[in-house]
Amino acid sequence: MTDPALGAIFVAAAAVSLGASWRLVVSLERVGARLRLSEALLGMLAALAADAPEITAAVTALIRHDSNIGAGVVIGSNVFNLAALIGLAAVVAGGIALHPRVIELAGAVALWIAGVSILAVTGVFSPLAGLALVLAVLGPYTAILGMRHERLARLGLPPAWTGWLVAAITEEELELEVAIHPRRGHARDALIAAGAVIVVVAASIAMERAASELGSRHAVPGIVTGALVLAGVTSLPNAVAAVYLALRGRGAAVLSTALNSNAFNILAGFLIPTAILGQRSASGQAVFVTACYAAMTALALVLAHRGRGLHRRDGIVILVAYAAFVGALLAIAA
């Protein structure tokens, strides 16, 4: 197959995958509303659905034992998410107001997952151990977000902890209630979601295969194909949604979209498949991308907490950090 034909397949598959993932997000939000999920859980469900293209592309590469592309897609997507969903959104909107408790609660989970990712990629412990450590924090976090406040009060936690958690969840849901407003779904929405999953998976596999073949023909390192090309393309829907929410002043929704998306990328696109398929030794390039993901996560959270939100200058700092990441990765891969 010629290069133009592969390029056309890549563009067409990317368009179909991203369009179907958007349809999947809408349908799942409606199904979630039908099930009366909280706004926080609806936000996590939307983030998971929007991550379908990068997760599928990563798993496809890992099944073919191309660990550089596989790790590059999901972890590179996380770096791109931080730049586009938080940095670019802050620049375009002129600033993002955030509640300190929301930053602390979501940020603690994000930093834990980023730290586990580094240790798993460097081989300090196995992907299975990393999966257990992520679930040990992400599971209770998800459960708490879905609890009613009176049930949370019955967990037996110290009163100060309970009060802080209730306040943090309330502040996040006040933001998400305006940002997420699906109508209650029906059986038709569940069927549409199921069909969208099939389309996303098929199109994402075609996109990954076309990009990998083109990269191989032109001696483009796998980590570049995964962490820059596929990561950027598959994360575009999240970026567009984040800018839209930031322009409407929904700061917590922007932060939740970015951090929840990154959490699901690591869980479903990296730790679960590598735990099942077995992990080949990670390249220095993959370790570099993972370290940059952790560093940019910490940078974004420090800037947000220091200024009780993100100002335009903070967004510029994050975008400059992403540009430095791209330049360094290209230099390392050359």
C-alpha atoms as a PDB file:
ATOM      1  CA  MET A   1       0.000   0.000   0.000  1.00  0.00           C
ATOM      2  CA  THR A   2       1.342   3.434  -0.928  1.00  0.00           C
ATOM      3  CA  ASP A   3       2.118   6.204   1.544  1.00  0.00           C
ATOM      4  CA  PRO A   4      -0.780   8.407   0.331  1.00  0.00           C
ATOM      5  CA  ALA A   5      -3.173   5.496   0.773  1.00  0.00           C
ATOM      6  CA  LEU A   6      -1.920   4.870   4.317  1.00  0.00           C
ATOM      7  CA  GLY A   7      -2.182   8.581   5.047  1.00  0.00           C
ATOM      8  CA  ALA A   8      -5.754   8.636   3.798  1.00  0.00           C
ATOM      9  CA  ILE A   9      -6.612   5.606   5.961  1.00  0.00           C
ATOM     10  CA  PHE A  10      -5.068   7.301   8.988  1.00  0.00           C
ATOM     11  CA  VAL A  11      -7.000  10.544   8.486  1.00  0.00           C
ATOM     12  CA  ALA A  12     -10.290   8.756   7.768  1.00  0.00           C
ATOM     13  CA  ALA A  13      -9.884   6.348  10.700  1.00  0.00           C
ATOM     14  CA  ALA A  14      -8.998   9.229  13.049  1.00  0.00           C
ATOM     15  CA  ALA A  15     -12.079  11.193  11.980  1.00  0.00           C
ATOM     16  CA  VAL A  16     -14.377   8.174  12.399  1.00  0.00           C
ATOM     17  CA  SER A  17     -12.827   7.208  15.747  1.00  0.00           C
ATOM     18  CA  LEU A  18     -13.083  10.699  17.212  1.00  0.00           C
ATOM     19  CA  GLY A  19     -16.625  11.202  15.920  1.00  0.00           C
ATOM     20  CA  ALA A  20     -17.762   7.852  17.308  1.00  0.00           C
ATOM     21  CA  SER A  21     -16.086   8.536  20.668  1.00  0.00           C
ATOM     22  CA  TRP A  22     -18.016  11.805  20.922  1.00  0.00           C
ATOM     23  CA  ARG A  23     -21.244   9.928  20.215  1.00  0.00           C
ATOM     24  CA  LEU A  24     -20.205   7.392  22.848  1.00  0.00           C
ATOM     25  CA  VAL A  25     -19.694  10.127  25.445  1.00  0.00           C
ATOM     26  CA  VAL A  26     -23.146  11.611  24.800  1.00  0.00           C
ATOM     27  CA  SER A  27     -24.888   8.229  24.922  1.00  0.00           C
ATOM     28  CA  LEU A  28     -23.124   7.085  28.085  1.00  0.00           C
ATOM     29  CA  GLU A  29     -23.902  10.370  29.833  1.00  0.00           C
ATOM     30  CA  ARG A  30     -27.576   9.817  29.058  1.00  0.00           C
ATOM     31  CA  VAL A  31     -27.428   6.236  30.303  1.00  0.00           C
ATOM     32  CA  GLY A  32     -25.688   7.484  33.455  1.00  0.00           C
ATOM     33  CA  ALA A  33     -28.378  10.110  33.962  1.00  0.00           C
ATOM     34  CA  ARG A  34     -31.007   7.375  33.610  1.00  0.00           C
ATOM     35  CA  LEU A  35     -29.207   5.438  36.359  1.00  0.00           C
ATOM     36  CA  ARG A  36     -29.133   8.634  38.464  1.00  0.00           C
ATOM     37  CA  LEU A  37     -25.371   8.732  38.801  1.00  0.00           C
ATOM     38  CA  SER A  38     -23.887  11.764  40.508  1.00  0.00           C
ATOM     39  CA  GLU A  39     -22.370  14.562  38.413  1.00  0.00           C
ATOM     40  CA  ALA A  40     -18.899  13.481  39.567  1.00  0.00           C
ATOM     41  CA  LEU A  41     -19.452   9.919  38.335  1.00  0.00           C
ATOM     42  CA  LEU A  42     -20.948  11.213  35.095  1.00  0.00           C
ATOM     43  CA  GLY A  43     -17.755  13.203  34.597  1.00  0.00           C
ATOM     44  CA  MET A  44     -15.621  10.108  35.125  1.00  0.00           C
ATOM     45  CA  LEU A  45     -17.832   8.106  32.758  1.00  0.00           C
ATOM     46  CA  ALA A  46     -17.462  10.796  30.096  1.00  0.00           C
ATOM     47  CA  ALA A  47     -13.685  10.853  30.558  1.00  0.00           C
ATOM     48  CA  LEU A  48     -13.492   7.073  30.140  1.00  0.00           C
ATOM     49  CA  ALA A  49     -15.585   7.176  26.967  1.00  0.00           C
ATOM     50  CA  ALA A  50     -13.519  10.010  25.490  1.00  0.00           C
ATOM     51  CA  ASP A  51     -10.366   7.962  26.158  1.00  0.00           C
ATOM     52  CA  ALA A  52     -11.561   5.056  23.998  1.00  0.00           C
ATOM     53  CA  PRO A  53      -9.429   5.934  20.919  1.00  0.00           C
ATOM     54  CA  GLU A  54      -6.092   6.223  22.747  1.00  0.00           C
ATOM     55  CA  ILE A  55      -6.776   3.191  24.930  1.00  0.00           C
ATOM     56  CA  THR A  56      -7.672   1.064  21.895  1.00  0.00           C
ATOM     57  CA  ALA A  57      -4.646   2.268  19.926  1.00  0.00           C
ATOM     58  CA  ALA A  58      -2.357   1.546  22.865  1.00  0.00           C
ATOM     59  CA  VAL A  59      -3.737  -1.933  23.513  1.00  0.00           C
ATOM     60  CA  THR A  60      -3.428  -2.765  19.796  1.00  0.00           C
ATOM     61  CA  ALA A  61       0.245  -1.796  19.854  1.00  0.00           C
ATOM     62  CA  LEU A  62       0.911  -3.724  23.077  1.00  0.00           C
ATOM     63  CA  ILE A  63      -0.728  -6.855  21.642  1.00  0.00           C
ATOM     64  CA  ARG A  64       1.761  -6.584  18.769  1.00  0.00           C
ATOM     65  CA  HIS A  65       4.534  -6.247  21.381  1.00  0.00           C
ATOM     66  CA  ASP A  66       5.331  -2.700  20.275  1.00  0.00           C
ATOM     67  CA  SER A  67       5.812  -1.343  23.772  1.00  0.00           C
ATOM     68  CA  ASN A  68       7.188   2.034  22.665  1.00  0.00           C
ATOM     69  CA  ILE A  69       4.073   2.902  20.668  1.00  0.00           C
ATOM     70  CA  GLY A  70       1.760   1.338  23.264  1.00  0.00           C
ATOM     71  CA  ALA A  71       3.220   3.173  26.238  1.00  0.00           C
ATOM     72  CA  GLY A  72       3.764   6.268  24.129  1.00  0.00           C
ATOM     73  CA  VAL A  73       0.099   6.612  23.152  1.00  0.00           C
ATOM     74  CA  VAL A  74      -1.402   6.506  26.641  1.00  0.00           C
ATOM     75  CA  ILE A  75       1.368   8.254  28.561  1.00  0.00           C
ATOM     76  CA  GLY A  76       2.004  10.733  25.750  1.00  0.00           C
ATOM     77  CA  SER A  77      -1.746  11.414  25.728  1.00  0.00           C
ATOM     78  CA  ASN A  78      -1.498  12.242  29.415  1.00  0.00           C
ATOM     79  CA  VAL A  79       1.219  14.820  28.747  1.00  0.00           C
ATOM     80  CA  PHE A  80      -0.843  16.261  25.873  1.00  0.00           C
ATOM     81  CA  ASN A  81      -3.944  16.349  28.093  1.00  0.00           C
ATOM     82  CA  LEU A  82      -2.144  18.425  30.698  1.00  0.00           C
ATOM     83  CA  ALA A  83      -0.957  20.876  28.043  1.00  0.00           C
ATOM     84  CA  ALA A  84      -4.178  21.144  26.030  1.00  0.00           C
ATOM     85  CA  LEU A  85      -6.861  20.514  28.643  1.00  0.00           C
ATOM     86  CA  ILE A  86      -5.308  22.656  31.378  1.00  0.00           C
ATOM     87  CA  GLY A  87      -2.611  24.868  29.838  1.00  0.00           C
ATOM     88  CA  LEU A  88      -4.356  25.833  26.594  1.00  0.00           C
ATOM     89  CA  ALA A  89      -7.734  26.137  28.318  1.00  0.00           C
ATOM     90  CA  ALA A  90      -6.264  28.588  30.854  1.00  0.00           C
ATOM     91  CA  VAL A  91      -4.673  30.681  28.095  1.00  0.00           C
ATOM     92  CA  VAL A  92      -7.814  30.799  25.919  1.00  0.00           C
ATOM     93  CA  ALA A  93     -10.162  31.509  28.832  1.00  0.00           C
ATOM     94  CA  GLY A  94      -7.784  33.962  30.498  1.00  0.00           C
ATOM     95  CA  GLY A  95      -7.845  31.912  33.704  1.00  0.00           C
ATOM     96  CA  ILE A  96      -9.584  29.026  35.434  1.00  0.00           C
ATOM     97  CA  ALA A  97     -10.988  29.451  38.945  1.00  0.00           C
ATOM     98  CA  LEU A  98     -10.695  26.310  41.076  1.00  0.00           C
ATOM     99  CA  HIS A  99     -11.736  25.352  44.585  1.00  0.00           C
ATOM    100  CA  PRO A 100      -8.676  24.416  46.712  1.00  0.00           C
ATOM    101  CA  ARG A 101     -10.321  21.230  48.044  1.00  0.00           C
ATOM    102  CA  VAL A 102     -11.076  20.037  44.507  1.00  0.00           C
ATOM    103  CA  ILE A 103      -7.412  20.528  43.557  1.00  0.00           C
ATOM    104  CA  GLU A 104      -6.238  18.674  46.659  1.00  0.00           C
ATOM    105  CA  LEU A 105      -8.606  15.705  46.342  1.00  0.00           C
ATOM    106  CA  ALA A 106      -8.225  15.102  42.604  1.00  0.00           C
ATOM    107  CA  GLY A 107      -4.558  16.088  42.699  1.00  0.00           C
ATOM    108  CA  ALA A 108      -3.637  13.579  45.404  1.00  0.00           C
ATOM    109  CA  VAL A 109      -5.104  10.747  43.323  1.00  0.00           C
ATOM    110  CA  ALA A 110      -3.401  12.038  40.153  1.00  0.00           C
ATOM    111  CA  LEU A 111       0.011  12.265  41.800  1.00  0.00           C
ATOM    112  CA  TRP A 112      -0.345   8.767  43.262  1.00  0.00           C
ATOM    113  CA  ILE A 113      -1.148   7.299  39.840  1.00  0.00           C
ATOM    114  CA  ALA A 114       1.711   9.211  38.189  1.00  0.00           C
ATOM    115  CA  GLY A 115       4.159   7.943  40.811  1.00  0.00           C
ATOM    116  CA  VAL A 116       2.976   4.348  40.394  1.00  0.00           C
ATOM    117  CA  SER A 117       3.355   4.707  36.610  1.00  0.00           C
ATOM    118  CA  ILE A 118       7.025   5.659  36.929  1.00  0.00           C
ATOM    119  CA  LEU A 119       7.762   2.731  39.217  1.00  0.00           C
ATOM    120  CA  ALA A 120       5.930   0.302  36.907  1.00  0.00           C
ATOM    121  CA  VAL A 121       7.623   1.551  33.727  1.00  0.00           C
ATOM    122  CA  THR A 122      11.087   1.443  35.288  1.00  0.00           C
ATOM    123  CA  GLY A 123      10.456  -2.102  36.525  1.00  0.00           C
ATOM    124  CA  VAL A 124      10.692  -1.331  40.241  1.00  0.00           C
ATOM    125  CA  PHE A 125       7.650  -3.556  40.552  1.00  0.00           C
ATOM    126  CA  SER A 126       5.466  -5.496  38.131  1.00  0.00           C
ATOM    127  CA  PRO A 127       2.500  -4.093  36.173  1.00  0.00           C
ATOM    128  CA  LEU A 128       0.249  -6.319  38.288  1.00  0.00           C
ATOM    129  CA  ALA A 129       1.542  -4.710  41.482  1.00  0.00           C
ATOM    130  CA  GLY A 130       1.127  -1.285  39.882  1.00  0.00           C
ATOM    131  CA  LEU A 131      -2.436  -2.172  38.911  1.00  0.00           C
ATOM    132  CA  ALA A 132      -3.215  -3.178  42.497  1.00  0.00           C
ATOM    133  CA  LEU A 133      -1.753   0.060  43.860  1.00  0.00           C
ATOM    134  CA  VAL A 134      -3.726   2.217  41.416  1.00  0.00           C
ATOM    135  CA  LEU A 135      -6.981   0.390  42.136  1.00  0.00           C
ATOM    136  CA  ALA A 136      -6.336   0.708  45.880  1.00  0.00           C
ATOM    137  CA  VAL A 137      -6.691   4.484  45.513  1.00  0.00           C
ATOM    138  CA  LEU A 138      -8.818   4.948  42.387  1.00  0.00           C
ATOM    139  CA  GLY A 139     -11.458   2.471  43.599  1.00  0.00           C
ATOM    140  CA  PRO A 140     -12.219   4.239  46.910  1.00  0.00           C
ATOM    141  CA  TYR A 141     -11.991   7.634  45.172  1.00  0.00           C
ATOM    142  CA  THR A 142     -14.613   6.605  42.621  1.00  0.00           C
ATOM    143  CA  ALA A 143     -16.810   5.098  45.326  1.00  0.00           C
ATOM    144  CA  ILE A 144     -16.636   8.261  47.434  1.00  0.00           C
ATOM    145  CA  LEU A 145     -17.578  10.438  44.463  1.00  0.00           C
ATOM    146  CA  GLY A 146     -20.694   8.335  43.959  1.00  0.00           C
ATOM    147  CA  MET A 147     -21.811   8.274  47.594  1.00  0.00           C
ATOM    148  CA  ARG A 148     -24.577  10.402  48.979  1.00  0.00           C
ATOM    149  CA  HIS A 149     -23.361  12.704  51.704  1.00  0.00           C
ATOM    150  CA  GLU A 150     -25.354  11.031  54.462  1.00  0.00           C
ATOM    151  CA  ARG A 151     -23.853   7.646  53.558  1.00  0.00           C
ATOM    152  CA  LEU A 152     -20.378   9.153  53.539  1.00  0.00           C
ATOM    153  CA  ALA A 153     -20.996  10.388  57.061  1.00  0.00           C
ATOM    154  CA  ARG A 154     -21.692   6.773  58.132  1.00  0.00           C
ATOM    155  CA  LEU A 155     -18.276   5.462  57.047  1.00  0.00           C
ATOM    156  CA  GLY A 156     -16.861   6.055  60.499  1.00  0.00           C
ATOM    157  CA  LEU A 157     -14.144   8.475  59.395  1.00  0.00           C
ATOM    158  CA  PRO A 158     -13.055  11.249  61.782  1.00  0.00           C
ATOM    159  CA  PRO A 159     -15.556  14.120  61.648  1.00  0.00           C
ATOM    160  CA  ALA A 160     -12.948  16.523  60.259  1.00  0.00           C
ATOM    161  CA  TRP A 161     -12.165  14.122  57.371  1.00  0.00           C
ATOM    162  CA  THR A 162     -15.841  13.588  56.617  1.00  0.00           C
ATOM    163  CA  GLY A 163     -16.535  17.315  56.598  1.00  0.00           C
ATOM    164  CA  TRP A 164     -13.583  17.977  54.287  1.00  0.00           C
ATOM    165  CA  LEU A 165     -14.603  15.215  51.845  1.00  0.00           C
ATOM    166  CA  VAL A 166     -18.223  16.366  51.751  1.00  0.00           C
ATOM    167  CA  ALA A 167     -17.104  19.934  51.049  1.00  0.00           C
ATOM    168  CA  ALA A 168     -14.675  18.854  48.296  1.00  0.00           C
ATOM    169  CA  ILE A 169     -17.231  16.646  46.535  1.00  0.00           C
ATOM    170  CA  THR A 170     -19.928  19.309  46.834  1.00  0.00           C
ATOM    171  CA  GLU A 171     -17.656  21.947  45.295  1.00  0.00           C
ATOM    172  CA  GLU A 172     -16.760  19.658  42.388  1.00  0.00           C
ATOM    173  CA  GLU A 173     -20.370  18.702  41.724  1.00  0.00           C
ATOM    174  CA  LEU A 174     -21.479  22.339  41.743  1.00  0.00           C
ATOM    175  CA  GLU A 175     -19.123  22.888  38.816  1.00  0.00           C
ATOM    176  CA  LEU A 176     -19.971  19.668  36.997  1.00  0.00           C
ATOM    177  CA  GLU A 177     -23.741  20.123  37.397  1.00  0.00           C
ATOM    178  CA  VAL A 178     -23.618  23.006  34.926  1.00  0.00           C
ATOM    179  CA  ALA A 179     -20.975  21.479  32.644  1.00  0.00           C
ATOM    180  CA  ILE A 180     -22.730  18.117  32.302  1.00  0.00           C
ATOM    181  CA  HIS A 181     -26.437  18.253  31.581  1.00  0.00           C
ATOM    182  CA  PRO A 182     -27.584  15.147  29.690  1.00  0.00           C
ATOM    183  CA  ARG A 183     -31.206  14.195  29.354  1.00  0.00           C
ATOM    184  CA  ARG A 184     -32.230  10.851  30.797  1.00  0.00           C
ATOM    185  CA  GLY A 185     -31.490   8.104  28.323  1.00  0.00           C
ATOM    186  CA  HIS A 186     -33.423   5.085  27.111  1.00  0.00           C
ATOM    187  CA  ALA A 187     -32.602   1.651  25.760  1.00  0.00           C
ATOM    188  CA  ARG A 188     -31.812   3.267  22.410  1.00  0.00           C
ATOM    189  CA  ASP A 189     -28.931   5.199  23.981  1.00  0.00           C
ATOM    190  CA  ALA A 190     -27.455   1.989  25.389  1.00  0.00           C
ATOM    191  CA  LEU A 191     -27.607   0.396  21.933  1.00  0.00           C
ATOM    192  CA  ILE A 192     -26.006   3.460  20.340  1.00  0.00           C
ATOM    193  CA  ALA A 193     -23.233   3.339  22.955  1.00  0.00           C
ATOM    194  CA  ALA A 194     -22.581  -0.329  22.215  1.00  0.00           C
ATOM    195  CA  GLY A 195     -22.413   0.368  18.484  1.00  0.00           C
ATOM    196  CA  ALA A 196     -20.134   3.364  19.050  1.00  0.00           C
ATOM    197  CA  VAL A 197     -17.717   1.204  21.034  1.00  0.00           C
ATOM    198  CA  ILE A 198     -17.405  -1.206  18.095  1.00  0.00           C
ATOM    199  CA  VAL A 199     -16.818   1.651  15.649  1.00  0.00           C
ATOM    200  CA  VAL A 200     -14.250   3.334  17.924  1.00  0.00           C
ATOM    201  CA  VAL A 201     -12.322   0.094  18.407  1.00  0.00           C
ATOM    202  CA  ALA A 202     -12.260  -0.764  14.697  1.00  0.00           C
ATOM    203  CA  ALA A 203     -11.322   2.761  13.580  1.00  0.00           C
ATOM    204  CA  SER A 204      -8.667   3.160  16.284  1.00  0.00           C
ATOM    205  CA  ILE A 205      -7.038  -0.141  15.307  1.00  0.00           C
ATOM    206  CA  ALA A 206      -6.912   1.005  11.667  1.00  0.00           C
ATOM    207  CA  MET A 207      -5.487   4.374  12.743  1.00  0.00           C
ATOM    208  CA  GLU A 208      -2.766   2.768  14.860  1.00  0.00           C
ATOM    209  CA  ARG A 209      -1.798   0.290  12.145  1.00  0.00           C
ATOM    210  CA  ALA A 210      -1.583   3.009   9.468  1.00  0.00           C
ATOM    211  CA  ALA A 211       0.501   5.290  11.709  1.00  0.00           C
ATOM    212  CA  SER A 212       2.811   2.427  12.723  1.00  0.00           C
ATOM    213  CA  GLU A 213       3.351   1.360   9.107  1.00  0.00           C
ATOM    214  CA  LEU A 214       4.097   4.893   7.962  1.00  0.00           C
ATOM    215  CA  GLY A 215       6.450   5.432  10.889  1.00  0.00           C
ATOM    216  CA  SER A 216       8.261   2.177  10.182  1.00  0.00           C
ATOM    217  CA  ARG A 217       8.682   2.995   6.488  1.00  0.00           C
ATOM    218  CA  HIS A 218      10.176   6.396   7.211  1.00  0.00           C
ATOM    219  CA  ALA A 219      12.286   5.332  10.221  1.00  0.00           C
ATOM    220  CA  VAL A 220      10.233   7.360  12.697  1.00  0.00           C
ATOM    221  CA  PRO A 221      10.897   6.020  16.218  1.00  0.00           C
ATOM    222  CA  GLY A 222       7.913   4.237  17.756  1.00  0.00           C
ATOM    223  CA  ILE A 223       7.947   6.490  20.800  1.00  0.00           C
ATOM    224  CA  VAL A 224       7.503   9.539  18.533  1.00  0.00           C
ATOM    225  CA  THR A 225       4.666   7.878  16.602  1.00  0.00           C
ATOM    226  CA  GLY A 226       2.934   6.977  19.863  1.00  0.00           C
ATOM    227  CA  ALA A 227       3.714   9.837  22.253  1.00  0.00           C
ATOM    228  CA  LEU A 228       3.361  12.690  19.774  1.00  0.00           C
ATOM    229  CA  VAL A 229       1.349  11.723  16.679  1.00  0.00           C
ATOM    230  CA  LEU A 230      -1.203   9.212  17.990  1.00  0.00           C
ATOM    231  CA  ALA A 231      -1.339  10.815  21.442  1.00  0.00           C
ATOM    232  CA  GLY A 232      -2.176  14.235  20.041  1.00  0.00           C
ATOM    233  CA  VAL A 233      -4.744  13.045  17.506  1.00  0.00           C
ATOM    234  CA  THR A 234      -6.628  10.748  19.890  1.00  0.00           C
ATOM    235  CA  SER A 235      -6.793  13.418  22.609  1.00  0.00           C
ATOM    236  CA  LEU A 236      -8.292  16.170  20.453  1.00  0.00           C
ATOM    237  CA  PRO A 237     -11.916  15.638  21.639  1.00  0.00           C
ATOM    238  CA  ASN A 238     -10.873  16.112  25.251  1.00  0.00           C
ATOM    239  CA  ALA A 239      -8.963  19.270  24.332  1.00  0.00           C
ATOM    240  CA  VAL A 240     -11.939  20.806  22.506  1.00  0.00           C
ATOM    241  CA  ALA A 241     -14.266  19.962  25.406  1.00  0.00           C
ATOM    242  CA  ALA A 242     -11.846  21.461  27.945  1.00  0.00           C
ATOM    243  CA  VAL A 243     -11.519  24.767  26.090  1.00  0.00           C
ATOM    244  CA  TYR A 244     -15.315  24.939  25.773  1.00  0.00           C
ATOM    245  CA  LEU A 245     -15.781  24.348  29.503  1.00  0.00           C
ATOM    246  CA  ALA A 246     -13.045  26.824  30.437  1.00  0.00           C
ATOM    247  CA  LEU A 247     -14.684  29.543  28.341  1.00  0.00           C
ATOM    248  CA  ARG A 248     -17.867  28.915  30.334  1.00  0.00           C
ATOM    249  CA  GLY A 249     -15.962  29.260  33.612  1.00  0.00           C
ATOM    250  CA  ARG A 250     -16.311  25.605  34.619  1.00  0.00           C
ATOM    251  CA  GLY A 251     -12.853  25.216  36.169  1.00  0.00           C
ATOM    252  CA  ALA A 252     -13.459  22.072  38.195  1.00  0.00           C
ATOM    253  CA  ALA A 253     -14.891  20.339  35.142  1.00  0.00           C
ATOM    254  CA  VAL A 254     -11.715  21.136  33.175  1.00  0.00           C
ATOM    255  CA  LEU A 255      -9.481  19.799  35.947  1.00  0.00           C
ATOM    256  CA  SER A 256     -11.618  16.685  36.437  1.00  0.00           C
ATOM    257  CA  THR A 257     -11.661  15.953  32.695  1.00  0.00           C
ATOM    258  CA  ALA A 258      -7.870  16.133  32.486  1.00  0.00           C
ATOM    259  CA  LEU A 259      -7.018  14.182  35.632  1.00  0.00           C
ATOM    260  CA  ASN A 260      -9.734  11.526  35.254  1.00  0.00           C
ATOM    261  CA  SER A 261      -8.802  11.021  31.617  1.00  0.00           C
ATOM    262  CA  ASN A 262      -5.173  10.495  32.598  1.00  0.00           C
ATOM    263  CA  ALA A 263      -6.128   8.049  35.339  1.00  0.00           C
ATOM    264  CA  PHE A 264      -8.175   5.886  32.973  1.00  0.00           C
ATOM    265  CA  ASN A 265      -5.448   6.009  30.330  1.00  0.00           C
ATOM    266  CA  ILE A 266      -2.938   4.551  32.779  1.00  0.00           C
ATOM    267  CA  LEU A 267      -5.368   1.986  34.144  1.00  0.00           C
ATOM    268  CA  ALA A 268      -7.024   0.689  30.963  1.00  0.00           C
ATOM    269  CA  GLY A 269      -4.404   1.552  28.367  1.00  0.00           C
ATOM    270  CA  PHE A 270      -1.235   0.565  30.185  1.00  0.00           C
ATOM    271  CA  LEU A 271      -1.450  -1.316  33.486  1.00  0.00           C
ATOM    272  CA  ILE A 272      -4.261  -3.760  32.664  1.00  0.00           C
ATOM    273  CA  PRO A 273      -2.916  -4.847  29.224  1.00  0.00           C
ATOM    274  CA  THR A 274       0.699  -5.088  30.408  1.00  0.00           C
ATOM    275  CA  ALA A 275      -0.379  -7.092  33.453  1.00  0.00           C
ATOM    276  CA  ILE A 276      -2.218  -9.526  31.156  1.00  0.00           C
ATOM    277  CA  LEU A 277       0.215  -9.622  28.242  1.00  0.00           C
ATOM    278  CA  GLY A 278       3.424  -9.271  30.189  1.00  0.00           C
ATOM    279  CA  GLN A 279       5.724  -6.266  29.990  1.00  0.00           C
ATOM    280  CA  ARG A 280       8.839  -6.123  27.918  1.00  0.00           C
ATOM    281  CA  SER A 281      11.624  -4.015  29.390  1.00  0.00           C
ATOM    282  CA  ALA A 282      10.779  -0.359  28.839  1.00  0.00           C
ATOM    283  CA  SER A 283      13.063   1.792  26.733  1.00  0.00           C
ATOM    284  CA  GLY A 284      14.748   4.883  28.117  1.00  0.00           C
ATOM    285  CA  GLN A 285      12.445   6.910  25.875  1.00  0.00           C
ATOM    286  CA  ALA A 286       9.339   5.424  27.499  1.00  0.00           C
ATOM    287  CA  VAL A 287      10.780   6.157  30.943  1.00  0.00           C
ATOM    288  CA  PHE A 288      11.456   9.747  29.846  1.00  0.00           C
ATOM    289  CA  VAL A 289       7.851  10.228  28.659  1.00  0.00           C
ATOM    290  CA  THR A 290       6.515   8.805  31.934  1.00  0.00           C
ATOM    291  CA  ALA A 291       8.788  11.059  34.006  1.00  0.00           C
ATOM    292  CA  CYS A 292       7.589  14.089  32.011  1.00  0.00           C
ATOM    293  CA  TYR A 293       3.967  13.075  32.626  1.00  0.00           C
ATOM    294  CA  ALA A 294       4.579  12.927  36.378  1.00  0.00           C
ATOM    295  CA  ALA A 295       6.530  16.209  36.391  1.00  0.00           C
ATOM    296  CA  MET A 296       3.865  18.066  34.383  1.00  0.00           C
ATOM    297  CA  THR A 297       1.133  16.699  36.643  1.00  0.00           C
ATOM    298  CA  ALA A 298       2.965  18.071  39.671  1.00  0.00           C
ATOM    299  CA  LEU A 299       3.638  21.389  37.900  1.00  0.00           C
ATOM    300  CA  ALA A 300      -0.014  21.921  36.935  1.00  0.00           C
ATOM    301  CA  LEU A 301      -1.245  21.087  40.444  1.00  0.00           C
ATOM    302  CA  VAL A 302       1.328  23.307  42.174  1.00  0.00           C
ATOM    303  CA  LEU A 303       0.445  26.244  39.926  1.00  0.00           C
ATOM    304  CA  ALA A 304      -3.286  25.654  40.441  1.00  0.00           C
ATOM    305  CA  HIS A 305      -3.047  25.357  44.225  1.00  0.00           C
ATOM    306  CA  ARG A 306      -0.705  28.309  44.627  1.00  0.00           C
ATOM    307  CA  GLY A 307      -2.992  30.677  42.754  1.00  0.00           C
ATOM    308  CA  ARG A 308      -6.337  29.090  43.769  1.00  0.00           C
ATOM    309  CA  GLY A 309      -6.797  28.369  40.103  1.00  0.00           C
ATOM    310  CA  LEU A 310      -4.829  28.782  36.895  1.00  0.00           C
ATOM    311  CA  HIS A 311      -4.083  32.180  35.384  1.00  0.00           C
ATOM    312  CA  ARG A 312      -3.117  32.824  31.777  1.00  0.00           C
ATOM    313  CA  ARG A 313       0.567  32.990  32.706  1.00  0.00           C
ATOM    314  CA  ASP A 314       0.267  29.564  34.361  1.00  0.00           C
ATOM    315  CA  GLY A 315      -1.216  28.173  31.172  1.00  0.00           C
ATOM    316  CA  ILE A 316       1.720  29.604  29.211  1.00  0.00           C
ATOM    317  CA  VAL A 317       4.162  27.937  31.621  1.00  0.00           C
ATOM    318  CA  ILE A 318       2.443  24.571  31.084  1.00  0.00           C
ATOM    319  CA  LEU A 319       2.467  24.996  27.288  1.00  0.00           C
ATOM    320  CA  VAL A 320       6.161  25.941  27.340  1.00  0.00           C
ATOM    321  CA  ALA A 321       6.849  22.823  29.412  1.00  0.00           C
ATOM    322  CA  TYR A 322       5.021  20.731  26.801  1.00  0.00           C
ATOM    323  CA  ALA A 323       7.027  22.342  23.981  1.00  0.00           C
ATOM    324  CA  ALA A 324      10.220  21.499  25.874  1.00  0.00           C
ATOM    325  CA  PHE A 325       8.980  17.899  26.252  1.00  0.00           C
ATOM    326  CA  VAL A 326       8.356  17.626  22.499  1.00  0.00           C
ATOM    327  CA  GLY A 327      11.779  19.066  21.654  1.00  0.00           C
ATOM    328  CA  ALA A 328      13.583  16.830  24.130  1.00  0.00           C
ATOM    329  CA  LEU A 329      11.756  13.710  22.971  1.00  0.00           C
ATOM    330  CA  LEU A 330      12.582  14.408  19.328  1.00  0.00           C
ATOM    331  CA  ALA A 331      16.216  14.988  20.254  1.00  0.00           C
ATOM    332  CA  ILE A 332      16.404  11.773  22.283  1.00  0.00           C
ATOM    333  CA  ALA A 333      14.690   9.744  19.565  1.00  0.00           C
ATOM    334  CA  ALA A 334      16.887  11.134  16.767  1.00  0.00           C
END
